[in-house]
């Protein structure tokens, strides 16, 4: 396995372990819902709000697609091997297009939640809140991440820049775990 593939695999394993909210060695719809509730609550938003609902719906759809690819049905539970195989089929085996198709809706919903000033962009301060609450990064580490993600250097992050950053993390080429 190439270094990037090893890191990518390790990042995917870490994601599985983090999202296994109840620690039972399986991730199911309830684990994705728990992650959505955690993210939404970190921003002081309600699941009843449009933005809160969008995050929940995006993560539930992410689970559905992964579970179907894993062969456990749309509401099934995946063990780590099944989860990794589903991500290989849906993302890694299909390149950028597969990755974007699978994760863009969740990234977009979270970015919209993060965009507290509603300007359609994620500012440095908004990213601090995202990375502080979702990942546990300090403000200094979040600022360093912002500088690496802001590809055009305009001081604001677009959904496209965030998708690229999350994709690069999943591919093992960036060490900023944006989805928590």
N, C-alpha and C. Protein backbone atom coordinates (compact mmCIF):
# COMPACT_ATOMS: atom_id res chain seq x y z
N UNK A 1 0.85 -1.18 0.00
CA UNK A 1 0.00 0.00 0.00
C UNK A 1 0.89 1.24 0.00
N UNK A 2 0.63 2.19 -0.88
CA UNK A 2 1.39 3.44 -0.91
C UNK A 2 1.11 4.22 0.37
N UNK A 3 2.03 5.14 0.71
CA UNK A 3 1.87 5.93 1.92
C UNK A 3 0.52 6.63 1.98
N UNK A 4 0.11 7.25 0.87
CA UNK A 4 -1.18 7.92 0.84
C UNK A 4 -2.30 6.94 1.11
N UNK A 5 -2.21 5.73 0.56
CA UNK A 5 -3.24 4.72 0.78
C UNK A 5 -3.27 4.27 2.23
N UNK A 6 -2.11 4.15 2.85
CA UNK A 6 -2.05 3.75 4.26
C UNK A 6 -2.70 4.82 5.12
N UNK A 7 -2.35 6.08 4.90
CA UNK A 7 -2.92 7.18 5.67
C UNK A 7 -4.42 7.27 5.41
N UNK A 8 -4.81 7.13 4.17
CA UNK A 8 -6.22 7.17 3.81
C UNK A 8 -6.99 6.09 4.56
N UNK A 9 -6.45 4.87 4.58
CA UNK A 9 -7.07 3.76 5.29
C UNK A 9 -7.17 4.09 6.78
N UNK A 10 -6.09 4.59 7.35
CA UNK A 10 -6.09 4.94 8.78
C UNK A 10 -7.13 6.02 9.07
N UNK A 11 -7.25 7.02 8.22
CA UNK A 11 -8.25 8.07 8.41
C UNK A 11 -9.66 7.51 8.34
N UNK A 12 -9.88 6.57 7.43
CA UNK A 12 -11.20 5.95 7.30
C UNK A 12 -11.52 5.11 8.53
N UNK A 13 -10.53 4.40 9.06
CA UNK A 13 -10.72 3.61 10.28
C UNK A 13 -11.04 4.54 11.45
N UNK A 14 -10.31 5.66 11.55
CA UNK A 14 -10.58 6.63 12.63
C UNK A 14 -12.00 7.19 12.52
N UNK A 15 -12.44 7.47 11.30
CA UNK A 15 -13.80 7.98 11.11
C UNK A 15 -14.81 6.94 11.60
N UNK A 16 -14.60 5.68 11.23
CA UNK A 16 -15.50 4.62 11.68
C UNK A 16 -15.55 4.60 13.21
N UNK A 17 -14.39 4.59 13.84
CA UNK A 17 -14.33 4.51 15.30
C UNK A 17 -15.00 5.72 15.95
N UNK A 18 -14.82 6.89 15.38
CA UNK A 18 -15.45 8.10 15.94
C UNK A 18 -16.96 8.05 15.79
N UNK A 19 -17.42 7.60 14.64
CA UNK A 19 -18.86 7.61 14.39
C UNK A 19 -19.57 6.44 15.05
N UNK A 20 -18.86 5.46 15.56
CA UNK A 20 -19.47 4.36 16.30
C UNK A 20 -19.79 4.88 17.69
N UNK A 21 -20.83 5.71 17.76
CA UNK A 21 -21.16 6.47 18.96
C UNK A 21 -21.38 5.58 20.18
N UNK A 22 -21.96 4.42 19.99
CA UNK A 22 -22.24 3.55 21.13
C UNK A 22 -21.14 2.51 21.36
N UNK A 23 -20.10 2.52 20.53
CA UNK A 23 -18.96 1.65 20.73
C UNK A 23 -19.22 0.16 20.56
N UNK A 24 -20.24 -0.19 19.78
CA UNK A 24 -20.59 -1.60 19.63
C UNK A 24 -19.90 -2.29 18.45
N UNK A 25 -18.98 -1.57 17.78
CA UNK A 25 -18.28 -2.16 16.65
C UNK A 25 -19.06 -2.13 15.35
N UNK A 26 -20.20 -1.47 15.38
CA UNK A 26 -21.04 -1.31 14.20
C UNK A 26 -21.44 0.15 14.09
N UNK A 27 -21.61 0.62 12.86
CA UNK A 27 -22.23 1.94 12.70
C UNK A 27 -23.51 1.76 11.91
N UNK A 28 -24.52 2.40 12.42
CA UNK A 28 -25.83 2.31 11.81
C UNK A 28 -26.43 3.71 11.74
N UNK A 29 -27.65 3.77 11.29
CA UNK A 29 -28.32 5.06 11.12
C UNK A 29 -28.31 5.86 12.43
N UNK A 30 -28.50 5.20 13.56
CA UNK A 30 -28.53 5.91 14.84
C UNK A 30 -27.20 6.59 15.13
N UNK A 31 -26.09 5.98 14.72
CA UNK A 31 -24.78 6.60 14.92
C UNK A 31 -24.63 7.86 14.07
N UNK A 32 -25.13 7.81 12.84
CA UNK A 32 -25.07 8.99 11.97
C UNK A 32 -25.99 10.08 12.50
N UNK A 33 -27.14 9.68 13.01
CA UNK A 33 -28.05 10.65 13.62
C UNK A 33 -27.42 11.29 14.85
N UNK A 34 -26.71 10.50 15.65
CA UNK A 34 -26.03 11.04 16.84
C UNK A 34 -24.96 12.05 16.42
N UNK A 35 -24.23 11.74 15.34
CA UNK A 35 -23.22 12.68 14.85
C UNK A 35 -23.88 13.97 14.37
N UNK A 36 -24.99 13.86 13.67
CA UNK A 36 -25.71 15.05 13.21
C UNK A 36 -26.17 15.89 14.41
N UNK A 37 -26.73 15.23 15.42
CA UNK A 37 -27.18 15.96 16.61
C UNK A 37 -26.01 16.68 17.29
N UNK A 38 -24.86 16.01 17.36
CA UNK A 38 -23.68 16.61 17.99
C UNK A 38 -23.22 17.83 17.21
N UNK A 39 -23.16 17.72 15.90
CA UNK A 39 -22.71 18.84 15.06
C UNK A 39 -23.69 20.01 15.17
N UNK A 40 -24.96 19.72 15.05
CA UNK A 40 -25.98 20.77 15.10
C UNK A 40 -25.97 21.46 16.47
N UNK A 41 -25.86 20.68 17.54
CA UNK A 41 -25.84 21.25 18.89
C UNK A 41 -24.61 22.11 19.10
N UNK A 42 -23.48 21.74 18.50
CA UNK A 42 -22.25 22.51 18.65
C UNK A 42 -22.41 23.93 18.13
N UNK A 43 -23.34 24.11 17.21
CA UNK A 43 -23.60 25.44 16.67
C UNK A 43 -24.82 26.09 17.30
N UNK A 44 -25.37 25.47 18.34
CA UNK A 44 -26.52 26.05 19.03
C UNK A 44 -27.76 26.07 18.17
N UNK A 45 -27.78 25.22 17.19
CA UNK A 45 -28.91 25.16 16.25
C UNK A 45 -29.84 24.03 16.68
N UNK A 46 -31.07 24.12 16.26
CA UNK A 46 -32.07 23.08 16.54
C UNK A 46 -32.19 22.14 15.35
N UNK A 47 -32.46 20.88 15.64
CA UNK A 47 -32.72 19.93 14.56
C UNK A 47 -34.02 20.27 13.82
N UNK A 48 -34.84 21.11 14.43
CA UNK A 48 -36.09 21.52 13.79
C UNK A 48 -35.90 22.68 12.82
N UNK A 49 -34.73 23.31 12.87
CA UNK A 49 -34.46 24.41 11.94
C UNK A 49 -34.14 23.84 10.58
N UNK A 50 -34.23 24.64 9.55
CA UNK A 50 -33.90 24.19 8.22
C UNK A 50 -32.46 23.71 8.11
N UNK A 51 -31.54 24.46 8.71
CA UNK A 51 -30.13 24.08 8.64
C UNK A 51 -29.85 22.83 9.46
N UNK A 52 -30.49 22.70 10.61
CA UNK A 52 -30.32 21.50 11.43
C UNK A 52 -30.88 20.27 10.74
N UNK A 53 -32.03 20.42 10.14
CA UNK A 53 -32.65 19.32 9.38
C UNK A 53 -31.77 18.92 8.20
N UNK A 54 -31.19 19.90 7.53
CA UNK A 54 -30.34 19.63 6.36
C UNK A 54 -29.14 18.78 6.75
N UNK A 55 -28.52 19.07 7.90
CA UNK A 55 -27.38 18.27 8.36
C UNK A 55 -27.85 16.85 8.66
N UNK A 56 -28.96 16.72 9.37
CA UNK A 56 -29.48 15.39 9.70
C UNK A 56 -29.79 14.61 8.42
N UNK A 57 -30.48 15.23 7.49
CA UNK A 57 -30.85 14.54 6.25
C UNK A 57 -29.61 14.13 5.44
N UNK A 58 -28.61 15.00 5.40
CA UNK A 58 -27.40 14.69 4.64
C UNK A 58 -26.66 13.50 5.26
N UNK A 59 -26.57 13.46 6.59
CA UNK A 59 -25.86 12.35 7.22
C UNK A 59 -26.66 11.05 7.16
N UNK A 60 -27.97 11.14 7.25
CA UNK A 60 -28.80 9.94 7.10
C UNK A 60 -28.68 9.39 5.68
N UNK A 61 -28.64 10.27 4.70
CA UNK A 61 -28.47 9.84 3.30
C UNK A 61 -27.08 9.25 3.09
N UNK A 62 -26.07 9.82 3.73
CA UNK A 62 -24.72 9.26 3.65
C UNK A 62 -24.73 7.83 4.19
N UNK A 63 -25.36 7.63 5.33
CA UNK A 63 -25.47 6.27 5.88
C UNK A 63 -26.19 5.34 4.91
N UNK A 64 -27.30 5.80 4.37
CA UNK A 64 -28.09 4.95 3.47
C UNK A 64 -27.23 4.48 2.30
N UNK A 65 -26.52 5.40 1.69
CA UNK A 65 -25.70 5.05 0.52
C UNK A 65 -24.57 4.09 0.90
N UNK A 66 -23.92 4.35 2.03
CA UNK A 66 -22.84 3.46 2.46
C UNK A 66 -23.39 2.09 2.84
N UNK A 67 -24.51 2.05 3.55
CA UNK A 67 -25.09 0.78 3.98
C UNK A 67 -25.52 -0.05 2.78
N UNK A 68 -26.11 0.60 1.79
CA UNK A 68 -26.50 -0.14 0.59
C UNK A 68 -25.26 -0.68 -0.13
N UNK A 69 -24.22 0.13 -0.24
CA UNK A 69 -23.00 -0.33 -0.89
C UNK A 69 -22.34 -1.46 -0.10
N UNK A 70 -22.53 -1.46 1.21
CA UNK A 70 -21.96 -2.50 2.07
C UNK A 70 -22.78 -3.78 2.02
N UNK A 71 -23.97 -3.70 1.41
CA UNK A 71 -24.82 -4.88 1.30
C UNK A 71 -25.63 -5.19 2.54
N UNK A 72 -25.81 -4.19 3.41
CA UNK A 72 -26.58 -4.42 4.64
C UNK A 72 -27.97 -3.77 4.58
N UNK A 73 -28.33 -3.25 3.43
CA UNK A 73 -29.63 -2.60 3.29
C UNK A 73 -29.58 -1.16 3.73
N UNK A 74 -30.57 -0.37 3.33
CA UNK A 74 -30.53 1.08 3.56
C UNK A 74 -30.58 1.50 5.02
N UNK A 75 -31.02 0.65 5.90
CA UNK A 75 -31.06 0.99 7.33
C UNK A 75 -30.16 0.09 8.16
N UNK A 76 -29.33 -0.70 7.50
CA UNK A 76 -28.52 -1.69 8.18
C UNK A 76 -27.31 -1.13 8.91
N UNK A 77 -26.72 -2.00 9.72
CA UNK A 77 -25.51 -1.67 10.48
C UNK A 77 -24.30 -2.27 9.75
N UNK A 78 -23.24 -1.48 9.70
CA UNK A 78 -22.00 -1.93 9.04
C UNK A 78 -20.92 -2.16 10.08
N UNK A 79 -20.21 -3.26 9.94
CA UNK A 79 -19.00 -3.43 10.75
C UNK A 79 -17.89 -2.66 10.03
N UNK A 80 -16.73 -2.61 10.65
CA UNK A 80 -15.65 -1.81 10.08
C UNK A 80 -15.25 -2.29 8.68
N UNK A 81 -15.16 -3.58 8.48
CA UNK A 81 -14.78 -4.12 7.17
C UNK A 81 -15.79 -3.71 6.11
N UNK A 82 -17.08 -3.79 6.43
CA UNK A 82 -18.13 -3.43 5.47
C UNK A 82 -18.10 -1.93 5.16
N UNK A 83 -17.89 -1.14 6.19
CA UNK A 83 -17.81 0.32 6.03
C UNK A 83 -16.64 0.69 5.12
N UNK A 84 -15.47 0.09 5.37
CA UNK A 84 -14.29 0.39 4.56
C UNK A 84 -14.51 -0.05 3.11
N UNK A 85 -15.13 -1.21 2.92
CA UNK A 85 -15.40 -1.70 1.56
C UNK A 85 -16.39 -0.78 0.84
N UNK A 86 -17.40 -0.30 1.56
CA UNK A 86 -18.38 0.62 0.96
C UNK A 86 -17.69 1.90 0.53
N UNK A 87 -16.83 2.45 1.37
CA UNK A 87 -16.12 3.68 1.01
C UNK A 87 -15.17 3.45 -0.16
N UNK A 88 -14.57 2.28 -0.21
CA UNK A 88 -13.71 1.95 -1.35
C UNK A 88 -14.54 1.97 -2.64
N UNK A 89 -15.70 1.36 -2.59
CA UNK A 89 -16.55 1.28 -3.78
C UNK A 89 -17.13 2.65 -4.16
N UNK A 90 -17.56 3.41 -3.17
CA UNK A 90 -18.25 4.67 -3.44
C UNK A 90 -17.31 5.85 -3.67
N UNK A 91 -16.18 5.86 -2.97
CA UNK A 91 -15.30 7.02 -3.03
C UNK A 91 -13.96 6.70 -3.67
N UNK A 92 -13.16 5.95 -2.95
CA UNK A 92 -11.77 5.76 -3.34
C UNK A 92 -11.63 5.09 -4.70
N UNK A 93 -12.51 4.16 -4.98
CA UNK A 93 -12.44 3.46 -6.26
C UNK A 93 -12.97 4.26 -7.43
N UNK A 94 -13.64 5.37 -7.14
CA UNK A 94 -14.24 6.19 -8.20
C UNK A 94 -13.57 7.54 -8.35
N UNK A 95 -12.55 7.80 -7.56
CA UNK A 95 -11.82 9.06 -7.68
C UNK A 95 -12.61 10.25 -7.18
N UNK A 96 -12.20 11.42 -7.64
CA UNK A 96 -12.80 12.67 -7.17
C UNK A 96 -14.31 12.71 -7.37
N UNK A 97 -14.77 12.20 -8.49
CA UNK A 97 -16.21 12.23 -8.78
C UNK A 97 -17.00 11.44 -7.74
N UNK A 98 -16.53 10.25 -7.41
CA UNK A 98 -17.21 9.43 -6.41
C UNK A 98 -17.19 10.07 -5.05
N UNK A 99 -16.05 10.62 -4.69
CA UNK A 99 -15.93 11.30 -3.41
C UNK A 99 -16.90 12.47 -3.32
N UNK A 100 -16.87 13.32 -4.34
CA UNK A 100 -17.73 14.50 -4.34
C UNK A 100 -19.20 14.11 -4.29
N UNK A 101 -19.57 13.10 -5.05
CA UNK A 101 -20.96 12.66 -5.09
C UNK A 101 -21.42 12.17 -3.71
N UNK A 102 -20.55 11.45 -3.02
CA UNK A 102 -20.93 10.88 -1.72
C UNK A 102 -20.92 11.92 -0.60
N UNK A 103 -19.88 12.73 -0.52
CA UNK A 103 -19.71 13.59 0.66
C UNK A 103 -20.10 15.05 0.48
N UNK A 104 -20.21 15.55 -0.74
CA UNK A 104 -20.54 16.96 -0.92
C UNK A 104 -21.83 17.37 -0.19
N UNK A 105 -22.91 16.57 -0.25
CA UNK A 105 -24.12 17.01 0.45
C UNK A 105 -23.90 17.22 1.96
N UNK A 106 -23.16 16.34 2.61
CA UNK A 106 -22.90 16.50 4.04
C UNK A 106 -22.00 17.71 4.30
N UNK A 107 -20.96 17.86 3.50
CA UNK A 107 -20.05 19.00 3.67
C UNK A 107 -20.80 20.31 3.44
N UNK A 108 -21.62 20.34 2.43
CA UNK A 108 -22.39 21.54 2.11
C UNK A 108 -23.35 21.90 3.24
N UNK A 109 -24.04 20.90 3.79
CA UNK A 109 -24.98 21.15 4.89
C UNK A 109 -24.25 21.65 6.13
N UNK A 110 -23.11 21.06 6.43
CA UNK A 110 -22.34 21.49 7.60
C UNK A 110 -21.76 22.88 7.37
N UNK A 111 -21.29 23.16 6.16
CA UNK A 111 -20.77 24.50 5.85
C UNK A 111 -21.87 25.54 5.99
N UNK A 112 -23.08 25.20 5.56
CA UNK A 112 -24.20 26.14 5.69
C UNK A 112 -24.52 26.39 7.16
N UNK A 113 -24.46 25.35 7.97
CA UNK A 113 -24.67 25.49 9.41
C UNK A 113 -23.59 26.37 10.01
N UNK A 114 -22.37 26.17 9.56
CA UNK A 114 -21.21 26.91 10.06
C UNK A 114 -21.25 28.39 9.65
N UNK A 115 -21.88 28.68 8.54
CA UNK A 115 -21.93 30.03 7.98
C UNK A 115 -22.93 30.89 8.77
N UNK A 116 -22.52 31.30 9.96
CA UNK A 116 -23.43 32.00 10.85
C UNK A 116 -23.81 33.39 10.38
N UNK A 117 -22.99 34.03 9.55
CA UNK A 117 -23.34 35.36 9.06
C UNK A 117 -24.11 35.31 7.74
N UNK A 118 -24.32 34.09 7.23
CA UNK A 118 -25.17 33.82 6.06
C UNK A 118 -24.68 34.49 4.79
N UNK A 119 -23.34 34.61 4.65
CA UNK A 119 -22.81 35.22 3.42
C UNK A 119 -22.44 34.18 2.37
N UNK A 120 -22.71 32.90 2.64
CA UNK A 120 -22.41 31.85 1.68
C UNK A 120 -20.97 31.36 1.73
N UNK A 121 -20.20 31.86 2.67
CA UNK A 121 -18.79 31.50 2.81
C UNK A 121 -18.50 31.16 4.27
N UNK A 122 -17.43 30.45 4.52
CA UNK A 122 -17.00 30.13 5.88
C UNK A 122 -15.78 30.99 6.19
N UNK A 123 -15.93 31.83 7.19
CA UNK A 123 -14.85 32.73 7.59
C UNK A 123 -13.88 31.99 8.53
N UNK A 124 -12.80 32.66 8.83
CA UNK A 124 -11.80 32.11 9.76
C UNK A 124 -12.46 31.83 11.11
N UNK A 125 -13.25 32.76 11.62
CA UNK A 125 -13.91 32.60 12.92
C UNK A 125 -14.92 31.46 12.86
N UNK A 126 -15.66 31.36 11.76
CA UNK A 126 -16.63 30.28 11.63
C UNK A 126 -15.94 28.92 11.55
N UNK A 127 -14.79 28.84 10.88
CA UNK A 127 -14.06 27.58 10.82
C UNK A 127 -13.52 27.22 12.20
N UNK A 128 -13.08 28.22 12.97
CA UNK A 128 -12.62 27.95 14.34
C UNK A 128 -13.72 27.25 15.13
N UNK A 129 -14.93 27.74 14.99
CA UNK A 129 -16.06 27.14 15.72
C UNK A 129 -16.28 25.70 15.25
N UNK A 130 -16.24 25.49 13.94
CA UNK A 130 -16.42 24.15 13.37
C UNK A 130 -15.34 23.21 13.88
N UNK A 131 -14.09 23.60 13.71
CA UNK A 131 -12.99 22.71 14.09
C UNK A 131 -12.83 22.59 15.59
N UNK A 132 -13.19 23.64 16.32
CA UNK A 132 -13.13 23.55 17.77
C UNK A 132 -14.18 22.61 18.33
N UNK A 133 -15.41 22.72 17.84
CA UNK A 133 -16.49 21.90 18.37
C UNK A 133 -16.50 20.50 17.79
N UNK A 134 -16.23 20.36 16.51
CA UNK A 134 -16.34 19.06 15.85
C UNK A 134 -15.08 18.23 15.98
N UNK A 135 -13.92 18.88 16.02
CA UNK A 135 -12.66 18.15 15.97
C UNK A 135 -11.82 18.37 17.23
N UNK A 136 -12.07 19.47 17.93
CA UNK A 136 -11.31 19.76 19.14
C UNK A 136 -10.01 20.50 18.90
N UNK A 137 -9.89 21.17 17.73
CA UNK A 137 -8.66 21.93 17.45
C UNK A 137 -8.66 23.26 18.19
N UNK A 138 -7.48 23.72 18.54
CA UNK A 138 -7.31 25.04 19.14
C UNK A 138 -7.54 26.10 18.07
N UNK A 139 -7.71 27.34 18.50
CA UNK A 139 -7.86 28.43 17.54
C UNK A 139 -6.62 28.54 16.65
N UNK A 140 -5.44 28.38 17.23
CA UNK A 140 -4.20 28.49 16.44
C UNK A 140 -4.14 27.38 15.38
N UNK A 141 -4.49 26.16 15.76
CA UNK A 141 -4.49 25.06 14.80
C UNK A 141 -5.57 25.25 13.74
N UNK A 142 -6.70 25.78 14.16
CA UNK A 142 -7.78 26.05 13.22
C UNK A 142 -7.36 27.13 12.22
N UNK A 143 -6.68 28.16 12.71
CA UNK A 143 -6.21 29.22 11.81
C UNK A 143 -5.19 28.68 10.80
N UNK A 144 -4.31 27.80 11.26
CA UNK A 144 -3.34 27.18 10.35
C UNK A 144 -4.07 26.34 9.30
N UNK A 145 -5.10 25.63 9.74
CA UNK A 145 -5.91 24.84 8.80
C UNK A 145 -6.59 25.75 7.79
N UNK A 146 -7.15 26.85 8.27
CA UNK A 146 -7.82 27.80 7.38
C UNK A 146 -6.86 28.25 6.28
N UNK A 147 -5.65 28.60 6.68
CA UNK A 147 -4.67 29.08 5.71
C UNK A 147 -4.35 28.02 4.66
N UNK A 148 -4.34 26.75 5.05
CA UNK A 148 -4.06 25.67 4.11
C UNK A 148 -5.25 25.38 3.20
N UNK A 149 -6.45 25.58 3.71
CA UNK A 149 -7.67 25.27 2.95
C UNK A 149 -8.04 26.40 1.99
N UNK A 150 -7.74 27.63 2.36
CA UNK A 150 -8.10 28.81 1.56
C UNK A 150 -7.21 28.87 0.32
N UNK A 151 -7.56 28.06 -0.66
CA UNK A 151 -6.71 27.88 -1.84
C UNK A 151 -6.50 29.15 -2.65
N UNK A 152 -7.52 30.00 -2.71
CA UNK A 152 -7.36 31.23 -3.50
C UNK A 152 -6.90 32.42 -2.66
N UNK A 153 -6.72 32.20 -1.36
CA UNK A 153 -6.18 33.24 -0.48
C UNK A 153 -7.08 34.45 -0.29
N UNK A 154 -8.39 34.28 -0.49
CA UNK A 154 -9.29 35.43 -0.38
C UNK A 154 -9.84 35.65 1.03
N UNK A 155 -9.44 34.83 1.99
CA UNK A 155 -9.87 35.03 3.37
C UNK A 155 -11.23 34.44 3.68
N UNK A 156 -11.78 33.65 2.79
CA UNK A 156 -13.07 33.00 3.01
C UNK A 156 -13.05 31.65 2.31
N UNK A 157 -13.76 30.68 2.88
CA UNK A 157 -13.79 29.34 2.31
C UNK A 157 -15.12 29.08 1.62
N UNK A 158 -15.03 28.58 0.41
CA UNK A 158 -16.21 28.16 -0.33
C UNK A 158 -16.48 26.68 -0.04
N UNK A 159 -17.66 26.23 -0.39
CA UNK A 159 -17.96 24.80 -0.26
C UNK A 159 -16.97 24.00 -1.09
N UNK A 160 -16.63 24.49 -2.28
CA UNK A 160 -15.65 23.77 -3.11
C UNK A 160 -14.31 23.60 -2.40
N UNK A 161 -13.82 24.66 -1.75
CA UNK A 161 -12.55 24.55 -1.03
C UNK A 161 -12.67 23.56 0.13
N UNK A 162 -13.82 23.56 0.80
CA UNK A 162 -14.02 22.62 1.90
C UNK A 162 -14.12 21.19 1.40
N UNK A 163 -14.80 20.98 0.27
CA UNK A 163 -14.90 19.64 -0.31
C UNK A 163 -13.50 19.15 -0.66
N UNK A 164 -12.70 20.00 -1.27
CA UNK A 164 -11.33 19.62 -1.63
C UNK A 164 -10.55 19.25 -0.36
N UNK A 165 -10.69 20.05 0.70
CA UNK A 165 -9.96 19.79 1.94
C UNK A 165 -10.38 18.46 2.57
N UNK A 166 -11.68 18.20 2.61
CA UNK A 166 -12.15 16.94 3.19
C UNK A 166 -11.70 15.76 2.32
N UNK A 167 -11.77 15.94 1.02
CA UNK A 167 -11.32 14.89 0.10
C UNK A 167 -9.83 14.62 0.31
N UNK A 168 -9.03 15.68 0.41
CA UNK A 168 -7.59 15.52 0.62
C UNK A 168 -7.30 14.83 1.95
N UNK A 169 -8.11 15.12 2.98
CA UNK A 169 -7.97 14.41 4.26
C UNK A 169 -8.25 12.92 4.06
N UNK A 170 -9.34 12.62 3.40
CA UNK A 170 -9.70 11.21 3.19
C UNK A 170 -8.66 10.48 2.35
N UNK A 171 -8.03 11.19 1.43
CA UNK A 171 -7.00 10.57 0.61
C UNK A 171 -5.65 10.52 1.32
N UNK A 172 -5.57 11.07 2.53
CA UNK A 172 -4.33 11.03 3.28
C UNK A 172 -3.32 12.07 2.88
N UNK A 173 -3.79 13.11 2.18
CA UNK A 173 -2.87 14.15 1.72
C UNK A 173 -3.00 15.45 2.51
N UNK A 174 -3.89 15.46 3.49
CA UNK A 174 -4.08 16.64 4.35
C UNK A 174 -4.47 16.12 5.72
N UNK A 175 -3.91 16.70 6.75
CA UNK A 175 -4.13 16.16 8.10
C UNK A 175 -5.14 16.98 8.91
N UNK A 176 -6.16 17.52 8.26
CA UNK A 176 -7.19 18.30 8.93
C UNK A 176 -8.50 17.53 8.83
N UNK A 177 -8.94 16.86 9.88
CA UNK A 177 -10.16 16.05 9.82
C UNK A 177 -11.42 16.91 9.96
N UNK A 178 -11.85 17.54 8.90
CA UNK A 178 -12.94 18.51 8.97
C UNK A 178 -14.30 17.96 9.37
N UNK A 179 -14.59 16.71 9.13
CA UNK A 179 -15.91 16.21 9.48
C UNK A 179 -15.99 15.71 10.92
N UNK A 180 -14.98 15.90 11.66
CA UNK A 180 -15.04 15.53 13.06
C UNK A 180 -14.75 14.08 13.33
